[in-house]
């Protein structure tokens, strides 16, 4: 197996959906973790892969096949699993929240499992964890520039403004200390090629840069990441917390209990409370990712100059239990790309 580490050199712009509406000032929502398709696209770029013809997954099926061939990976198996956030030698699990997303140490999995077994939630994070990492979108305002290689080149086009956000991360301990950190997202690749790679590559939007490090996984790291699985690899009755969104390939997203989805997994409650306090106020936010579906854009294909579609997804940080394993062809392909990665409880 291979270990991939993606280190942020600067704050990245990872759009959850495209910048909304053609209004004069629009809104923007960013992801706290990179999507598997974004990571594989950047990896394909580093490996010199060039896609020639589009496919039913807007190039992702072809990208999967090319990487599998290049890195000697197992065919029709999950190529990418993760991510876990790595900081100062410790791994953290991403937890999606509508208002605030954060990361809790993997070492606290036992606490979470115990509470779930006893149905004893919520989990009050500041009182029971020594530290955690919070995702803080930093909003910026941009303007449209005139182009044309004339005296008006790169002057402001009046009447067009937009908002966009970049992702920043802050480590908070139980003493109230706060520290800005640069995350390193860690993935497992189900491949056998003997390769050492360390390169800088553009990742996400607005020309932002990150560092990709790819190497053989050592025994110590393999043991620490042993619980990172794909939903495909979980057994009947297994419980896990999603590390990457699980995509749903049906049209109606008003109700999570679709007939087809219910054949595969059961969504359970995972409610966590996040308490932040300072001299002026105390906030208590309840972050519940159970029985919720989000809209998720699969990014932009630069190879074919097309924006991939929006799909419904069960977000990372959701607790699931496998009821049966009966995935459609398209669901199987999305799982192979790395969507639906989870950490087994």
C-alpha atoms as a PDB file:
ATOM      1  CA  UNK A   1       0.000   0.000   0.000  1.00  0.00           C
ATOM      2  CA  UNK A   2       1.012   3.614  -0.524  1.00  0.00           C
ATOM      3  CA  UNK A   3       0.682   6.558   1.844  1.00  0.00           C
ATOM      4  CA  UNK A   4      -0.294   9.936   0.395  1.00  0.00           C
ATOM      5  CA  UNK A   5       0.171  13.107   2.427  1.00  0.00           C
ATOM      6  CA  UNK A   6      -1.357  16.348   1.127  1.00  0.00           C
ATOM      7  CA  UNK A   7       0.044  19.358   2.997  1.00  0.00           C
ATOM      8  CA  UNK A   8      -1.490  22.799   2.622  1.00  0.00           C
ATOM      9  CA  UNK A   9       1.181  25.382   1.813  1.00  0.00           C
ATOM     10  CA  UNK A  10      -1.406  28.167   1.850  1.00  0.00           C
ATOM     11  CA  UNK A  11      -5.149  28.323   2.584  1.00  0.00           C
ATOM     12  CA  UNK A  12      -7.038  26.536  -0.189  1.00  0.00           C
ATOM     13  CA  UNK A  13     -10.326  27.260  -1.942  1.00  0.00           C
ATOM     14  CA  UNK A  14     -12.372  24.050  -2.130  1.00  0.00           C
ATOM     15  CA  UNK A  15     -15.902  24.857  -3.262  1.00  0.00           C
ATOM     16  CA  UNK A  16     -18.732  22.733  -1.860  1.00  0.00           C
ATOM     17  CA  UNK A  17     -20.878  23.989  -4.726  1.00  0.00           C
ATOM     18  CA  UNK A  18     -20.109  26.603  -7.367  1.00  0.00           C
ATOM     19  CA  UNK A  19     -20.313  30.292  -6.416  1.00  0.00           C
ATOM     20  CA  UNK A  20     -24.052  30.838  -6.283  1.00  0.00           C
ATOM     21  CA  UNK A  21     -26.277  32.864  -8.589  1.00  0.00           C
ATOM     22  CA  UNK A  22     -25.395  35.576 -11.114  1.00  0.00           C
ATOM     23  CA  UNK A  23     -26.212  38.294  -8.599  1.00  0.00           C
ATOM     24  CA  UNK A  24     -24.019  41.345  -8.100  1.00  0.00           C
ATOM     25  CA  UNK A  25     -22.721  39.867  -4.843  1.00  0.00           C
ATOM     26  CA  UNK A  26     -22.939  36.086  -4.540  1.00  0.00           C
ATOM     27  CA  UNK A  27     -22.381  33.495  -1.822  1.00  0.00           C
ATOM     28  CA  UNK A  28     -19.763  30.768  -1.534  1.00  0.00           C
ATOM     29  CA  UNK A  29     -19.391  27.659   0.633  1.00  0.00           C
ATOM     30  CA  UNK A  30     -16.090  25.812   1.022  1.00  0.00           C
ATOM     31  CA  UNK A  31     -15.160  22.265   1.980  1.00  0.00           C
ATOM     32  CA  UNK A  32     -13.126  21.494   5.081  1.00  0.00           C
ATOM     33  CA  UNK A  33     -11.609  18.412   3.400  1.00  0.00           C
ATOM     34  CA  UNK A  34     -10.542  17.833  -0.224  1.00  0.00           C
ATOM     35  CA  UNK A  35     -12.837  15.570  -2.238  1.00  0.00           C
ATOM     36  CA  UNK A  36     -11.421  12.258  -3.531  1.00  0.00           C
ATOM     37  CA  UNK A  37     -11.954  13.350  -7.144  1.00  0.00           C
ATOM     38  CA  UNK A  38      -9.932  16.534  -6.496  1.00  0.00           C
ATOM     39  CA  UNK A  39      -7.068  14.561  -4.925  1.00  0.00           C
ATOM     40  CA  UNK A  40      -7.016  11.984  -7.736  1.00  0.00           C
ATOM     41  CA  UNK A  41      -7.091  14.736 -10.362  1.00  0.00           C
ATOM     42  CA  UNK A  42      -4.037  16.437  -8.832  1.00  0.00           C
ATOM     43  CA  UNK A  43      -2.285  13.067  -8.458  1.00  0.00           C
ATOM     44  CA  UNK A  44      -3.009  12.252 -12.094  1.00  0.00           C
ATOM     45  CA  UNK A  45      -1.485  15.595 -13.042  1.00  0.00           C
ATOM     46  CA  UNK A  46       1.689  14.756 -11.103  1.00  0.00           C
ATOM     47  CA  UNK A  47       1.889  11.326 -12.735  1.00  0.00           C
ATOM     48  CA  UNK A  48       1.609  12.846 -16.216  1.00  0.00           C
ATOM     49  CA  UNK A  49      -1.756  11.273 -16.991  1.00  0.00           C
ATOM     50  CA  UNK A  50      -3.617  12.839 -19.928  1.00  0.00           C
ATOM     51  CA  UNK A  51      -7.251  11.935 -20.522  1.00  0.00           C
ATOM     52  CA  UNK A  52      -8.336  11.909 -24.159  1.00  0.00           C
ATOM     53  CA  UNK A  53     -12.029  11.076 -24.175  1.00  0.00           C
ATOM     54  CA  UNK A  54     -14.798  11.955 -21.705  1.00  0.00           C
ATOM     55  CA  UNK A  55     -16.773   9.222 -19.967  1.00  0.00           C
ATOM     56  CA  UNK A  56     -19.984   8.835 -17.984  1.00  0.00           C
ATOM     57  CA  UNK A  57     -18.232  10.189 -14.855  1.00  0.00           C
ATOM     58  CA  UNK A  58     -16.847  13.295 -16.597  1.00  0.00           C
ATOM     59  CA  UNK A  59     -13.364  11.803 -16.864  1.00  0.00           C
ATOM     60  CA  UNK A  60     -13.238  10.208 -13.394  1.00  0.00           C
ATOM     61  CA  UNK A  61     -13.675   6.642 -14.674  1.00  0.00           C
ATOM     62  CA  UNK A  62     -10.791   7.099 -17.103  1.00  0.00           C
ATOM     63  CA  UNK A  63      -8.670   8.748 -14.412  1.00  0.00           C
ATOM     64  CA  UNK A  64      -9.306   5.799 -12.078  1.00  0.00           C
ATOM     65  CA  UNK A  65      -8.205   3.290 -14.747  1.00  0.00           C
ATOM     66  CA  UNK A  66      -5.062   5.255 -15.627  1.00  0.00           C
ATOM     67  CA  UNK A  67      -3.915   5.598 -12.001  1.00  0.00           C
ATOM     68  CA  UNK A  68      -4.676   1.933 -11.315  1.00  0.00           C
ATOM     69  CA  UNK A  69      -2.462   0.996 -14.272  1.00  0.00           C
ATOM     70  CA  UNK A  70       0.302   3.475 -13.443  1.00  0.00           C
ATOM     71  CA  UNK A  71       0.631   2.596  -9.746  1.00  0.00           C
ATOM     72  CA  UNK A  72      -0.195  -1.137 -10.008  1.00  0.00           C
ATOM     73  CA  UNK A  73      -3.385  -0.932  -7.980  1.00  0.00           C
ATOM     74  CA  UNK A  74      -6.079  -3.571  -7.587  1.00  0.00           C
ATOM     75  CA  UNK A  75      -8.788  -3.278 -10.235  1.00  0.00           C
ATOM     76  CA  UNK A  76     -12.374  -2.686  -9.074  1.00  0.00           C
ATOM     77  CA  UNK A  77     -11.161  -1.967  -5.536  1.00  0.00           C
ATOM     78  CA  UNK A  78     -11.289   1.324  -3.598  1.00  0.00           C
ATOM     79  CA  UNK A  79      -8.262   3.243  -4.850  1.00  0.00           C
ATOM     80  CA  UNK A  80      -8.211   5.988  -2.219  1.00  0.00           C
ATOM     81  CA  UNK A  81      -9.176   5.776   1.461  1.00  0.00           C
ATOM     82  CA  UNK A  82      -9.299   8.704   3.864  1.00  0.00           C
ATOM     83  CA  UNK A  83      -8.675  11.401   4.778  1.00  0.00           C
ATOM     84  CA  UNK A  84      -7.469  11.764   8.311  1.00  0.00           C
ATOM     85  CA  UNK A  85      -5.993  15.113   9.268  1.00  0.00           C
ATOM     86  CA  UNK A  86      -2.424  14.758  10.547  1.00  0.00           C
ATOM     87  CA  UNK A  87      -1.017  17.387  12.897  1.00  0.00           C
ATOM     88  CA  UNK A  88       1.981  17.121  15.188  1.00  0.00           C
ATOM     89  CA  UNK A  89       2.043  13.326  14.867  1.00  0.00           C
ATOM     90  CA  UNK A  90      -1.639  12.857  15.754  1.00  0.00           C
ATOM     91  CA  UNK A  91      -4.514  11.867  13.472  1.00  0.00           C
ATOM     92  CA  UNK A  92      -7.908  13.615  13.567  1.00  0.00           C
ATOM     93  CA  UNK A  93     -11.338  12.569  12.222  1.00  0.00           C
ATOM     94  CA  UNK A  94     -13.312  15.140  10.163  1.00  0.00           C
ATOM     95  CA  UNK A  95     -16.815  15.880  11.490  1.00  0.00           C
ATOM     96  CA  UNK A  96     -19.203  17.860   9.280  1.00  0.00           C
ATOM     97  CA  UNK A  97     -21.405  20.509  10.849  1.00  0.00           C
ATOM     98  CA  UNK A  98     -23.821  22.857   9.150  1.00  0.00           C
ATOM     99  CA  UNK A  99     -22.417  25.867  10.994  1.00  0.00           C
ATOM    100  CA  UNK A 100     -19.050  24.584  12.203  1.00  0.00           C
ATOM    101  CA  UNK A 101     -16.973  21.617  11.074  1.00  0.00           C
ATOM    102  CA  UNK A 102     -14.152  20.265  13.192  1.00  0.00           C
ATOM    103  CA  UNK A 103     -11.711  17.404  13.710  1.00  0.00           C
ATOM    104  CA  UNK A 104     -11.415  15.184  16.786  1.00  0.00           C
ATOM    105  CA  UNK A 105      -8.423  12.957  17.668  1.00  0.00           C
ATOM    106  CA  UNK A 106      -8.612   9.336  16.521  1.00  0.00           C
ATOM    107  CA  UNK A 107      -7.547   8.367  20.042  1.00  0.00           C
ATOM    108  CA  UNK A 108     -11.041   9.332  21.196  1.00  0.00           C
ATOM    109  CA  UNK A 109     -12.785   6.712  19.045  1.00  0.00           C
ATOM    110  CA  UNK A 110     -13.199   4.472  22.068  1.00  0.00           C
ATOM    111  CA  UNK A 111     -14.998   7.247  23.961  1.00  0.00           C
ATOM    112  CA  UNK A 112     -17.342   7.816  21.052  1.00  0.00           C
ATOM    113  CA  UNK A 113     -17.999   4.072  20.620  1.00  0.00           C
ATOM    114  CA  UNK A 114     -18.761   3.672  24.319  1.00  0.00           C
ATOM    115  CA  UNK A 115     -21.208   6.563  24.301  1.00  0.00           C
ATOM    116  CA  UNK A 116     -22.937   5.242  21.204  1.00  0.00           C
ATOM    117  CA  UNK A 117     -23.338   1.790  22.713  1.00  0.00           C
ATOM    118  CA  UNK A 118     -24.935   3.338  25.807  1.00  0.00           C
ATOM    119  CA  UNK A 119     -26.880   5.859  23.700  1.00  0.00           C
ATOM    120  CA  UNK A 120     -25.289   8.513  25.886  1.00  0.00           C
ATOM    121  CA  UNK A 121     -24.932  11.589  23.715  1.00  0.00           C
ATOM    122  CA  UNK A 122     -24.202  14.455  23.116  1.00  0.00           C
ATOM    123  CA  UNK A 123     -20.455  14.537  23.335  1.00  0.00           C
ATOM    124  CA  UNK A 124     -19.317  17.824  24.919  1.00  0.00           C
ATOM    125  CA  UNK A 125     -16.040  18.319  23.198  1.00  0.00           C
ATOM    126  CA  UNK A 126     -14.223  20.833  25.422  1.00  0.00           C
ATOM    127  CA  UNK A 127     -14.984  18.936  28.615  1.00  0.00           C
ATOM    128  CA  UNK A 128     -13.943  15.502  27.370  1.00  0.00           C
ATOM    129  CA  UNK A 129     -11.142  16.111  24.856  1.00  0.00           C
ATOM    130  CA  UNK A 130      -7.746  17.652  25.469  1.00  0.00           C
ATOM    131  CA  UNK A 131      -7.778  19.313  22.043  1.00  0.00           C
ATOM    132  CA  UNK A 132      -9.511  19.468  18.692  1.00  0.00           C
ATOM    133  CA  UNK A 133      -9.177  21.352  15.407  1.00  0.00           C
ATOM    134  CA  UNK A 134     -11.880  23.641  14.049  1.00  0.00           C
ATOM    135  CA  UNK A 135     -12.404  24.670  10.408  1.00  0.00           C
ATOM    136  CA  UNK A 136     -12.864  28.426   9.963  1.00  0.00           C
ATOM    137  CA  UNK A 137     -13.822  29.748   6.502  1.00  0.00           C
ATOM    138  CA  UNK A 138     -12.265  33.175   5.908  1.00  0.00           C
ATOM    139  CA  UNK A 139     -14.434  35.196   3.537  1.00  0.00           C
ATOM    140  CA  UNK A 140     -12.922  37.461   0.877  1.00  0.00           C
ATOM    141  CA  UNK A 141     -14.472  39.826  -1.657  1.00  0.00           C
ATOM    142  CA  UNK A 142     -13.400  39.744  -5.299  1.00  0.00           C
ATOM    143  CA  UNK A 143     -14.126  41.869  -8.349  1.00  0.00           C
ATOM    144  CA  UNK A 144     -14.328  41.112 -12.048  1.00  0.00           C
ATOM    145  CA  UNK A 145     -11.412  42.448 -14.096  1.00  0.00           C
ATOM    146  CA  UNK A 146     -11.667  43.643 -17.669  1.00  0.00           C
ATOM    147  CA  UNK A 147      -9.560  41.672 -20.125  1.00  0.00           C
ATOM    148  CA  UNK A 148      -8.582  42.600 -23.639  1.00  0.00           C
ATOM    149  CA  UNK A 149      -4.892  43.521 -23.722  1.00  0.00           C
ATOM    150  CA  UNK A 150      -5.494  47.252 -23.997  1.00  0.00           C
ATOM    151  CA  UNK A 151      -5.413  50.298 -21.753  1.00  0.00           C
ATOM    152  CA  UNK A 152      -8.351  48.749 -19.876  1.00  0.00           C
ATOM    153  CA  UNK A 153      -6.527  45.461 -19.175  1.00  0.00           C
ATOM    154  CA  UNK A 154      -7.108  44.299 -15.596  1.00  0.00           C
ATOM    155  CA  UNK A 155      -9.141  47.315 -14.586  1.00  0.00           C
ATOM    156  CA  UNK A 156     -12.253  46.756 -12.511  1.00  0.00           C
ATOM    157  CA  UNK A 157     -15.435  45.984 -14.435  1.00  0.00           C
ATOM    158  CA  UNK A 158     -18.046  48.075 -12.644  1.00  0.00           C
ATOM    159  CA  UNK A 159     -21.013  46.317 -11.088  1.00  0.00           C
ATOM    160  CA  UNK A 160     -19.504  42.838 -10.649  1.00  0.00           C
ATOM    161  CA  UNK A 161     -18.419  41.658  -7.209  1.00  0.00           C
ATOM    162  CA  UNK A 162     -18.357  38.232  -5.629  1.00  0.00           C
ATOM    163  CA  UNK A 163     -17.564  36.618  -2.298  1.00  0.00           C
ATOM    164  CA  UNK A 164     -15.323  33.605  -1.930  1.00  0.00           C
ATOM    165  CA  UNK A 165     -13.931  31.823   1.100  1.00  0.00           C
ATOM    166  CA  UNK A 166     -10.630  30.166   1.929  1.00  0.00           C
ATOM    167  CA  UNK A 167     -10.170  27.391   4.487  1.00  0.00           C
ATOM    168  CA  UNK A 168      -8.245  28.044   7.693  1.00  0.00           C
ATOM    169  CA  UNK A 169      -7.805  25.705  10.664  1.00  0.00           C
ATOM    170  CA  UNK A 170      -7.334  26.377  14.367  1.00  0.00           C
ATOM    171  CA  UNK A 171      -6.170  24.014  17.113  1.00  0.00           C
ATOM    172  CA  UNK A 172      -8.016  24.575  20.406  1.00  0.00           C
ATOM    173  CA  UNK A 173      -7.159  22.865  23.703  1.00  0.00           C
ATOM    174  CA  UNK A 174      -9.223  22.428  26.849  1.00  0.00           C
ATOM    175  CA  UNK A 175      -7.477  25.379  28.455  1.00  0.00           C
ATOM    176  CA  UNK A 176      -8.838  27.726  25.799  1.00  0.00           C
ATOM    177  CA  UNK A 177      -5.547  28.185  23.927  1.00  0.00           C
ATOM    178  CA  UNK A 178      -5.929  28.692  20.181  1.00  0.00           C
ATOM    179  CA  UNK A 179      -3.322  28.211  17.461  1.00  0.00           C
ATOM    180  CA  UNK A 180      -3.628  28.447  13.666  1.00  0.00           C
ATOM    181  CA  UNK A 181      -2.346  25.264  11.979  1.00  0.00           C
ATOM    182  CA  UNK A 182      -1.649  24.108   8.432  1.00  0.00           C
ATOM    183  CA  UNK A 183      -3.312  20.735   7.923  1.00  0.00           C
ATOM    184  CA  UNK A 184      -1.839  17.636   6.330  1.00  0.00           C
ATOM    185  CA  UNK A 185      -4.493  15.263   4.965  1.00  0.00           C
ATOM    186  CA  UNK A 186      -3.459  11.605   4.868  1.00  0.00           C
ATOM    187  CA  UNK A 187      -4.770   8.924   2.507  1.00  0.00           C
ATOM    188  CA  UNK A 188      -4.113   5.248   1.839  1.00  0.00           C
ATOM    189  CA  UNK A 189      -3.742   4.122  -1.787  1.00  0.00           C
ATOM    190  CA  UNK A 190      -4.447   0.473  -2.514  1.00  0.00           C
ATOM    191  CA  UNK A 191      -1.414   0.172  -4.825  1.00  0.00           C
ATOM    192  CA  UNK A 192       1.839  -1.801  -4.944  1.00  0.00           C
ATOM    193  CA  UNK A 193       4.101   0.385  -7.111  1.00  0.00           C
ATOM    194  CA  UNK A 194       7.430   1.208  -5.432  1.00  0.00           C
ATOM    195  CA  UNK A 195       7.419   4.996  -5.744  1.00  0.00           C
ATOM    196  CA  UNK A 196       8.750   8.006  -3.871  1.00  0.00           C
ATOM    197  CA  UNK A 197       7.237  11.334  -4.878  1.00  0.00           C
ATOM    198  CA  UNK A 198       7.333  14.769  -3.301  1.00  0.00           C
ATOM    199  CA  UNK A 199       6.037  17.596  -5.468  1.00  0.00           C
ATOM    200  CA  UNK A 200       4.123  20.857  -5.292  1.00  0.00           C
ATOM    201  CA  UNK A 201       0.894  20.981  -7.255  1.00  0.00           C
ATOM    202  CA  UNK A 202      -2.057  23.301  -7.772  1.00  0.00           C
ATOM    203  CA  UNK A 203      -5.061  22.053  -5.794  1.00  0.00           C
ATOM    204  CA  UNK A 204      -8.578  23.459  -5.776  1.00  0.00           C
ATOM    205  CA  UNK A 205      -9.443  26.929  -7.068  1.00  0.00           C
ATOM    206  CA  UNK A 206      -7.713  30.274  -7.504  1.00  0.00           C
ATOM    207  CA  UNK A 207      -4.269  28.780  -8.199  1.00  0.00           C
ATOM    208  CA  UNK A 208      -3.581  27.648  -4.616  1.00  0.00           C
ATOM    209  CA  UNK A 209      -0.659  25.288  -3.989  1.00  0.00           C
ATOM    210  CA  UNK A 210      -0.213  22.176  -1.855  1.00  0.00           C
ATOM    211  CA  UNK A 211       2.490  19.559  -1.425  1.00  0.00           C
ATOM    212  CA  UNK A 212       1.939  15.907  -2.374  1.00  0.00           C
ATOM    213  CA  UNK A 213       4.140  13.233  -0.772  1.00  0.00           C
ATOM    214  CA  UNK A 214       3.661   9.653  -1.958  1.00  0.00           C
ATOM    215  CA  UNK A 215       5.608   6.711  -0.526  1.00  0.00           C
ATOM    216  CA  UNK A 216       5.358   3.097   0.573  1.00  0.00           C
ATOM    217  CA  UNK A 217       3.476   2.805   3.847  1.00  0.00           C
ATOM    218  CA  UNK A 218       5.606   1.540   6.732  1.00  0.00           C
ATOM    219  CA  UNK A 219       4.479  -0.976   9.335  1.00  0.00           C
ATOM    220  CA  UNK A 220       3.983   1.663  12.028  1.00  0.00           C
ATOM    221  CA  UNK A 221       1.702   3.834   9.861  1.00  0.00           C
ATOM    222  CA  UNK A 222      -0.135   0.795   8.510  1.00  0.00           C
ATOM    223  CA  UNK A 223      -1.011  -0.272  12.050  1.00  0.00           C
ATOM    224  CA  UNK A 224      -2.213   3.235  12.987  1.00  0.00           C
ATOM    225  CA  UNK A 225      -4.391   3.452   9.859  1.00  0.00           C
ATOM    226  CA  UNK A 226      -5.685  -0.114  10.036  1.00  0.00           C
ATOM    227  CA  UNK A 227      -9.266   0.985  10.807  1.00  0.00           C
ATOM    228  CA  UNK A 228      -9.537   3.206   7.720  1.00  0.00           C
ATOM    229  CA  UNK A 229     -11.804   1.323   5.313  1.00  0.00           C
ATOM    230  CA  UNK A 230     -14.139   1.826   2.393  1.00  0.00           C
ATOM    231  CA  UNK A 231     -17.842   1.198   2.930  1.00  0.00           C
ATOM    232  CA  UNK A 232     -17.310  -1.596   0.375  1.00  0.00           C
ATOM    233  CA  UNK A 233     -14.895  -3.298   2.766  1.00  0.00           C
ATOM    234  CA  UNK A 234     -17.102  -3.173   5.862  1.00  0.00           C
ATOM    235  CA  UNK A 235     -18.937  -6.286   6.973  1.00  0.00           C
ATOM    236  CA  UNK A 236     -22.618  -6.704   7.768  1.00  0.00           C
ATOM    237  CA  UNK A 237     -23.331  -5.122  11.152  1.00  0.00           C
ATOM    238  CA  UNK A 238     -20.118  -3.058  11.176  1.00  0.00           C
ATOM    239  CA  UNK A 239     -20.372   0.500  12.463  1.00  0.00           C
ATOM    240  CA  UNK A 240     -18.137   3.269  11.198  1.00  0.00           C
ATOM    241  CA  UNK A 241     -17.820   7.055  10.950  1.00  0.00           C
ATOM    242  CA  UNK A 242     -17.586   8.418   7.413  1.00  0.00           C
ATOM    243  CA  UNK A 243     -14.288  10.148   6.562  1.00  0.00           C
ATOM    244  CA  UNK A 244     -15.420  11.282   3.118  1.00  0.00           C
ATOM    245  CA  UNK A 245     -18.933  11.947   1.794  1.00  0.00           C
ATOM    246  CA  UNK A 246     -21.008   8.982   0.656  1.00  0.00           C
ATOM    247  CA  UNK A 247     -22.637   9.990  -2.623  1.00  0.00           C
ATOM    248  CA  UNK A 248     -26.246   9.156  -3.385  1.00  0.00           C
ATOM    249  CA  UNK A 249     -27.176   8.680  -7.023  1.00  0.00           C
ATOM    250  CA  UNK A 250     -30.906   9.346  -6.881  1.00  0.00           C
ATOM    251  CA  UNK A 251     -32.792  12.515  -7.710  1.00  0.00           C
ATOM    252  CA  UNK A 252     -34.941  13.081  -4.626  1.00  0.00           C
ATOM    253  CA  UNK A 253     -32.900  14.276  -1.643  1.00  0.00           C
ATOM    254  CA  UNK A 254     -35.698  15.256   0.696  1.00  0.00           C
ATOM    255  CA  UNK A 255     -35.691  11.942   2.529  1.00  0.00           C
ATOM    256  CA  UNK A 256     -32.594  10.002   3.516  1.00  0.00           C
ATOM    257  CA  UNK A 257     -34.344   6.656   3.678  1.00  0.00           C
ATOM    258  CA  UNK A 258     -34.389   5.814  -0.016  1.00  0.00           C
ATOM    259  CA  UNK A 259     -35.283   2.247  -0.815  1.00  0.00           C
ATOM    260  CA  UNK A 260     -31.967   1.555  -2.550  1.00  0.00           C
ATOM    261  CA  UNK A 261     -29.871   3.326   0.075  1.00  0.00           C
ATOM    262  CA  UNK A 262     -31.578   1.477   2.908  1.00  0.00           C
ATOM    263  CA  UNK A 263     -30.426  -1.801   1.375  1.00  0.00           C
ATOM    264  CA  UNK A 264     -26.830  -0.742   1.920  1.00  0.00           C
ATOM    265  CA  UNK A 265     -26.550   1.233   5.151  1.00  0.00           C
ATOM    266  CA  UNK A 266     -28.444   2.460   8.170  1.00  0.00           C
ATOM    267  CA  UNK A 267     -27.863   5.975   9.412  1.00  0.00           C
ATOM    268  CA  UNK A 268     -27.549   6.357  13.158  1.00  0.00           C
ATOM    269  CA  UNK A 269     -27.369   9.354  15.441  1.00  0.00           C
ATOM    270  CA  UNK A 270     -24.028  11.046  16.027  1.00  0.00           C
ATOM    271  CA  UNK A 271     -24.595  14.267  17.931  1.00  0.00           C
ATOM    272  CA  UNK A 272     -21.673  16.256  19.237  1.00  0.00           C
ATOM    273  CA  UNK A 273     -21.742  19.532  21.105  1.00  0.00           C
ATOM    274  CA  UNK A 274     -19.009  22.066  20.588  1.00  0.00           C
ATOM    275  CA  UNK A 275     -18.458  24.540  23.379  1.00  0.00           C
ATOM    276  CA  UNK A 276     -16.307  27.630  22.869  1.00  0.00           C
ATOM    277  CA  UNK A 277     -15.855  30.247  25.556  1.00  0.00           C
ATOM    278  CA  UNK A 278     -13.937  33.442  26.061  1.00  0.00           C
ATOM    279  CA  UNK A 279     -14.233  36.486  28.312  1.00  0.00           C
ATOM    280  CA  UNK A 280     -17.351  37.810  26.587  1.00  0.00           C
ATOM    281  CA  UNK A 281     -19.562  34.843  25.760  1.00  0.00           C
ATOM    282  CA  UNK A 282     -20.155  31.130  25.893  1.00  0.00           C
ATOM    283  CA  UNK A 283     -21.479  29.334  22.816  1.00  0.00           C
ATOM    284  CA  UNK A 284     -22.915  25.857  22.726  1.00  0.00           C
ATOM    285  CA  UNK A 285     -23.423  24.478  19.248  1.00  0.00           C
ATOM    286  CA  UNK A 286     -24.974  21.115  18.593  1.00  0.00           C
ATOM    287  CA  UNK A 287     -23.560  19.452  15.515  1.00  0.00           C
ATOM    288  CA  UNK A 288     -25.711  16.570  14.342  1.00  0.00           C
ATOM    289  CA  UNK A 289     -24.853  14.928  11.034  1.00  0.00           C
ATOM    290  CA  UNK A 290     -27.430  12.176  11.365  1.00  0.00           C
ATOM    291  CA  UNK A 291     -30.401  11.967   8.971  1.00  0.00           C
ATOM    292  CA  UNK A 292     -29.068  14.866   6.913  1.00  0.00           C
ATOM    293  CA  UNK A 293     -28.198  15.085   3.257  1.00  0.00           C
ATOM    294  CA  UNK A 294     -26.057  17.793   1.716  1.00  0.00           C
ATOM    295  CA  UNK A 295     -25.579  18.936  -1.864  1.00  0.00           C
ATOM    296  CA  UNK A 296     -22.074  18.380  -3.131  1.00  0.00           C
ATOM    297  CA  UNK A 297     -20.409  19.458  -6.359  1.00  0.00           C
ATOM    298  CA  UNK A 298     -17.829  17.090  -7.847  1.00  0.00           C
ATOM    299  CA  UNK A 299     -15.641  19.923  -9.040  1.00  0.00           C
ATOM    300  CA  UNK A 300     -14.490  21.114 -12.459  1.00  0.00           C
ATOM    301  CA  UNK A 301     -12.833  18.888 -15.052  1.00  0.00           C
ATOM    302  CA  UNK A 302      -9.966  20.871 -16.567  1.00  0.00           C
ATOM    303  CA  UNK A 303      -9.259  18.012 -18.991  1.00  0.00           C
ATOM    304  CA  UNK A 304     -12.664  18.435 -20.648  1.00  0.00           C
ATOM    305  CA  UNK A 305     -13.504  22.008 -19.556  1.00  0.00           C
ATOM    306  CA  UNK A 306     -16.746  20.875 -17.923  1.00  0.00           C
ATOM    307  CA  UNK A 307     -18.205  21.272 -14.473  1.00  0.00           C
ATOM    308  CA  UNK A 308     -19.185  17.968 -12.922  1.00  0.00           C
ATOM    309  CA  UNK A 309     -22.727  17.583 -11.552  1.00  0.00           C
ATOM    310  CA  UNK A 310     -24.152  18.242  -8.117  1.00  0.00           C
ATOM    311  CA  UNK A 311     -25.068  15.104  -6.196  1.00  0.00           C
ATOM    312  CA  UNK A 312     -26.715  14.416  -2.866  1.00  0.00           C
ATOM    313  CA  UNK A 313     -24.339  13.078  -0.213  1.00  0.00           C
ATOM    314  CA  UNK A 314     -24.259  11.820   3.350  1.00  0.00           C
ATOM    315  CA  UNK A 315     -21.518  13.991   4.909  1.00  0.00           C
ATOM    316  CA  UNK A 316     -18.321  12.938   6.627  1.00  0.00           C
ATOM    317  CA  UNK A 317     -18.700  12.572  10.368  1.00  0.00           C
ATOM    318  CA  UNK A 318     -21.930  10.566  10.020  1.00  0.00           C
ATOM    319  CA  UNK A 319     -22.174   7.291  11.911  1.00  0.00           C
ATOM    320  CA  UNK A 320     -23.364   4.407   9.733  1.00  0.00           C
ATOM    321  CA  UNK A 321     -24.106   0.728  10.224  1.00  0.00           C
ATOM    322  CA  UNK A 322     -23.911  -1.712   7.306  1.00  0.00           C
ATOM    323  CA  UNK A 323     -27.153  -3.599   6.816  1.00  0.00           C
ATOM    324  CA  UNK A 324     -26.401  -5.270   3.484  1.00  0.00           C
ATOM    325  CA  UNK A 325     -24.047  -4.736   0.548  1.00  0.00           C
ATOM    326  CA  UNK A 326     -25.940  -4.124  -2.647  1.00  0.00           C
ATOM    327  CA  UNK A 327     -24.452  -1.224  -4.596  1.00  0.00           C
ATOM    328  CA  UNK A 328     -25.403  -0.162  -8.103  1.00  0.00           C
ATOM    329  CA  UNK A 329     -22.761   0.068 -10.840  1.00  0.00           C
ATOM    330  CA  UNK A 330     -22.392   3.832 -10.510  1.00  0.00           C
ATOM    331  CA  UNK A 331     -22.289   3.671  -6.693  1.00  0.00           C
ATOM    332  CA  UNK A 332     -19.567   1.032  -6.943  1.00  0.00           C
ATOM    333  CA  UNK A 333     -17.496   3.267  -9.223  1.00  0.00           C
ATOM    334  CA  UNK A 334     -17.838   6.243  -6.863  1.00  0.00           C
ATOM    335  CA  UNK A 335     -16.794   4.067  -3.913  1.00  0.00           C
ATOM    336  CA  UNK A 336     -13.736   2.950  -5.908  1.00  0.00           C
ATOM    337  CA  UNK A 337     -12.736   6.603  -6.328  1.00  0.00           C
ATOM    338  CA  UNK A 338     -12.626   7.053  -2.556  1.00  0.00           C
ATOM    339  CA  UNK A 339     -16.066   8.405  -1.723  1.00  0.00           C
ATOM    340  CA  UNK A 340     -17.563   6.632   1.274  1.00  0.00           C
ATOM    341  CA  UNK A 341     -14.290   6.106   3.138  1.00  0.00           C
ATOM    342  CA  UNK A 342     -14.838   5.444   6.825  1.00  0.00           C
ATOM    343  CA  UNK A 343     -13.074   4.629  10.075  1.00  0.00           C
ATOM    344  CA  UNK A 344     -14.361   1.433  11.642  1.00  0.00           C
ATOM    345  CA  UNK A 345     -15.517   1.534  15.262  1.00  0.00           C
END
